Amino acid sequence: MITKLIFVCTENTYQSPIAETIFKNINRDLDLLVCSRGLVVLFPEPVNPKAETVLATHGMLIENYTTKQFRKEEVDEETLILTMTIAQKRRLATDFFINDNAYTIKEFAGEHGDVTDPYGQNTPAYEACFSELFTLMHKVIYRLLYGHVPEESSDLDSNGTSEPTVQ
């Protein structure tokens, strides 16, 4: 049984905090401890201002946020780890010897590839990353609730909620 969910990106300044914030804002049914961490956090930093702006545009606040380094000590057999990229997932295996319950977010959501990285780009690129993560979060929640990813986007209603389709 999963009791903790950790979103992981490289620096913990935009992708994983966006994922964490979206999950916390749309999850209504799962009782999980949810956080985000970075694989390379040299010192505490605030969230990227463009990420904060995009979240606020969608009514999602991220207040008093500071980056945090991923630590193996935070992980147990009831922890699910979702990375933004395949390389980050590999790094969990090589640097932290974590293979169980570690997936890329797209892999867990039944997709392939990496989450779009808006680093160094303009605000619309961060908006695109938000949109991608927003869609993925619904699939993640659906899988956690029902044990599988939705077979079609129609399995998610027009609000993006994860109600199963009645057959």
Protein backbone atom coordinates (compact mmCIF):
# COMPACT_ATOMS: atom_id res chain seq x y z
CA MET A 1 0.00 0.00 0.00
CA ILE A 2 1.38 3.39 -1.00
CA THR A 3 1.37 5.96 1.80
CA LYS A 4 3.91 8.46 0.46
CA LEU A 5 4.47 10.00 -2.97
CA ILE A 6 7.69 11.81 -3.88
CA PHE A 7 7.99 13.75 -7.14
CA VAL A 8 11.62 14.04 -8.23
CA CYS A 9 13.36 16.32 -10.70
CA THR A 10 16.94 17.55 -10.93
CA GLU A 11 16.96 20.80 -8.95
CA ASN A 12 13.50 20.78 -7.30
CA THR A 13 12.85 24.34 -8.49
CA TYR A 14 10.07 23.90 -11.07
CA GLN A 15 8.98 20.50 -12.46
CA SER A 16 8.61 18.48 -9.25
CA PRO A 17 7.16 21.40 -7.24
CA ILE A 18 4.61 21.98 -10.04
CA ALA A 19 3.71 18.27 -9.99
CA GLU A 20 3.42 18.27 -6.18
CA THR A 21 1.23 21.38 -6.18
CA ILE A 22 -1.08 20.10 -8.92
CA PHE A 23 -1.45 16.73 -7.18
CA LYS A 24 -2.29 18.37 -3.85
CA ASN A 25 -4.85 20.64 -5.53
CA ILE A 26 -6.72 18.01 -7.54
CA ASN A 27 -6.46 14.93 -5.31
CA ARG A 28 -9.68 14.41 -3.37
CA ASP A 29 -9.64 10.68 -2.66
CA LEU A 30 -6.15 9.55 -1.70
CA ASP A 31 -4.68 9.94 1.77
CA LEU A 32 -0.99 10.27 0.96
CA LEU A 33 1.95 12.28 2.20
CA VAL A 34 3.04 14.14 -0.96
CA CYS A 35 6.30 16.03 -1.43
CA SER A 36 8.92 16.87 -4.05
CA ARG A 37 12.68 16.57 -4.02
CA GLY A 38 15.67 17.26 -6.23
CA LEU A 39 18.63 15.10 -7.15
CA VAL A 40 21.03 18.07 -7.13
CA VAL A 41 20.10 20.65 -4.49
CA LEU A 42 23.24 22.43 -3.36
CA PHE A 43 21.43 24.94 -1.15
CA PRO A 44 17.80 25.84 -0.44
CA GLU A 45 16.20 27.99 -3.14
CA PRO A 46 12.66 29.26 -3.74
CA VAL A 47 10.53 27.86 -6.54
CA ASN A 48 11.25 29.25 -10.00
CA PRO A 49 9.26 32.52 -10.40
CA LYS A 50 7.83 31.42 -13.76
CA ALA A 51 6.57 28.18 -12.20
CA GLU A 52 5.03 30.17 -9.36
CA THR A 53 3.34 32.52 -11.85
CA VAL A 54 1.88 29.66 -13.89
CA LEU A 55 0.58 27.92 -10.76
CA ALA A 56 -1.01 31.17 -9.53
CA THR A 57 -2.66 31.66 -12.93
CA HIS A 58 -4.47 28.38 -12.25
CA GLY A 59 -5.37 29.32 -8.67
CA MET A 60 -2.71 27.09 -7.14
CA LEU A 61 -0.49 28.70 -4.56
CA ILE A 62 2.94 27.51 -3.55
CA GLU A 63 3.92 29.53 -0.50
CA ASN A 64 7.14 29.51 1.51
CA TYR A 65 8.59 26.82 -0.73
CA THR A 66 12.27 25.92 -0.60
CA THR A 67 14.06 23.21 -2.53
CA LYS A 68 15.00 19.98 -0.78
CA GLN A 69 17.55 17.32 -1.62
CA PHE A 70 16.32 13.76 -2.24
CA ARG A 71 17.43 11.46 0.57
CA LYS A 72 17.19 7.69 0.54
CA GLU A 73 16.24 7.79 4.23
CA GLU A 74 12.85 9.25 3.26
CA VAL A 75 11.97 6.15 1.22
CA ASP A 76 10.43 2.92 2.48
CA GLU A 77 8.46 0.08 0.88
CA GLU A 78 5.27 2.20 0.95
CA THR A 79 6.83 5.10 -0.99
CA LEU A 80 6.11 5.74 -4.66
CA ILE A 81 8.71 7.85 -6.48
CA LEU A 82 7.82 9.56 -9.76
CA THR A 83 10.61 11.22 -11.74
CA MET A 84 10.24 13.65 -14.63
CA THR A 85 12.77 11.88 -16.87
CA ILE A 86 14.19 8.47 -17.63
CA ALA A 87 17.68 9.76 -16.71
CA GLN A 88 16.44 10.79 -13.25
CA LYS A 89 14.92 7.34 -12.73
CA ARG A 90 18.24 5.75 -13.73
CA ARG A 91 20.03 8.02 -11.29
CA LEU A 92 17.82 6.78 -8.46
CA ALA A 93 18.98 3.27 -9.31
CA THR A 94 22.69 4.05 -9.68
CA ASP A 95 23.18 6.66 -6.94
CA PHE A 96 20.61 5.50 -4.37
CA PHE A 97 20.08 1.82 -5.33
CA ILE A 98 16.33 2.41 -5.61
CA ASN A 99 14.55 0.29 -8.19
CA ASP A 100 11.28 -0.65 -6.51
CA ASN A 101 8.32 1.73 -6.73
CA ALA A 102 10.31 4.18 -8.87
CA TYR A 103 8.89 5.21 -12.24
CA THR A 104 8.98 8.14 -14.59
CA ILE A 105 5.68 9.95 -14.24
CA LYS A 106 4.85 9.19 -17.87
CA GLU A 107 5.66 5.50 -17.39
CA PHE A 108 3.35 5.34 -14.35
CA ALA A 109 0.63 7.14 -16.35
CA GLY A 110 0.90 4.68 -19.26
CA GLU A 111 2.87 6.99 -21.56
CA HIS A 112 6.43 7.11 -22.89
CA GLY A 113 9.20 9.69 -22.75
CA ASP A 114 10.09 12.59 -20.51
CA VAL A 115 8.12 15.54 -19.18
CA THR A 116 8.80 18.72 -21.16
CA ASP A 117 11.62 20.73 -19.59
CA PRO A 118 10.98 24.49 -19.76
CA TYR A 119 14.29 25.49 -18.15
CA GLY A 120 15.62 28.78 -19.53
CA GLN A 121 12.54 29.38 -21.65
CA ASN A 122 9.68 31.85 -21.45
CA THR A 123 6.50 31.64 -19.36
CA PRO A 124 4.48 29.90 -22.13
CA ALA A 125 6.97 27.01 -21.95
CA TYR A 126 6.27 26.72 -18.21
CA GLU A 127 2.54 26.81 -19.02
CA ALA A 128 3.04 23.91 -21.44
CA CYS A 129 4.87 21.98 -18.72
CA PHE A 130 2.00 22.72 -16.30
CA SER A 131 -0.57 21.49 -18.83
CA GLU A 132 1.35 18.30 -19.44
CA LEU A 133 1.73 17.63 -15.72
CA PHE A 134 -1.93 18.49 -15.06
CA THR A 135 -3.03 15.79 -17.52
CA LEU A 136 -0.51 13.31 -16.12
CA MET A 137 -1.65 13.94 -12.53
CA HIS A 138 -5.18 12.83 -13.38
CA LYS A 139 -3.80 9.61 -14.83
CA VAL A 140 -1.58 9.07 -11.79
CA ILE A 141 -4.51 9.55 -9.43
CA TYR A 142 -6.67 7.22 -11.52
CA ARG A 143 -3.99 4.50 -11.40
CA LEU A 144 -3.54 4.89 -7.65
CA LEU A 145 -7.30 4.62 -7.12
CA TYR A 146 -8.14 1.87 -9.59
CA GLY A 147 -4.88 0.00 -10.13
CA HIS A 148 -4.55 0.80 -13.84
CA VAL A 149 -4.27 3.79 -16.11
CA PRO A 150 -7.40 4.99 -17.91
CA GLU A 151 -7.72 3.15 -21.21
CA GLU A 152 -8.91 6.26 -23.01
CA SER A 153 -9.07 9.93 -22.22
CA SER A 154 -12.85 9.42 -22.11
CA ASP A 155 -12.30 7.52 -18.85
CA LEU A 156 -11.64 10.97 -17.38
CA ASP A 157 -14.67 13.25 -17.41
CA SER A 158 -14.71 16.76 -18.85
CA ASN A 159 -13.40 18.15 -15.56
CA GLY A 160 -10.46 15.76 -15.73
CA THR A 161 -11.61 13.84 -12.68
CA SER A 162 -10.87 10.19 -12.36
CA GLU A 163 -14.32 8.65 -12.28
CA PRO A 164 -14.39 5.24 -13.94
CA THR A 165 -16.58 4.79 -16.98
CA VAL A 166 -19.63 2.64 -16.27
CA GLN A 167 -19.94 -0.10 -18.87
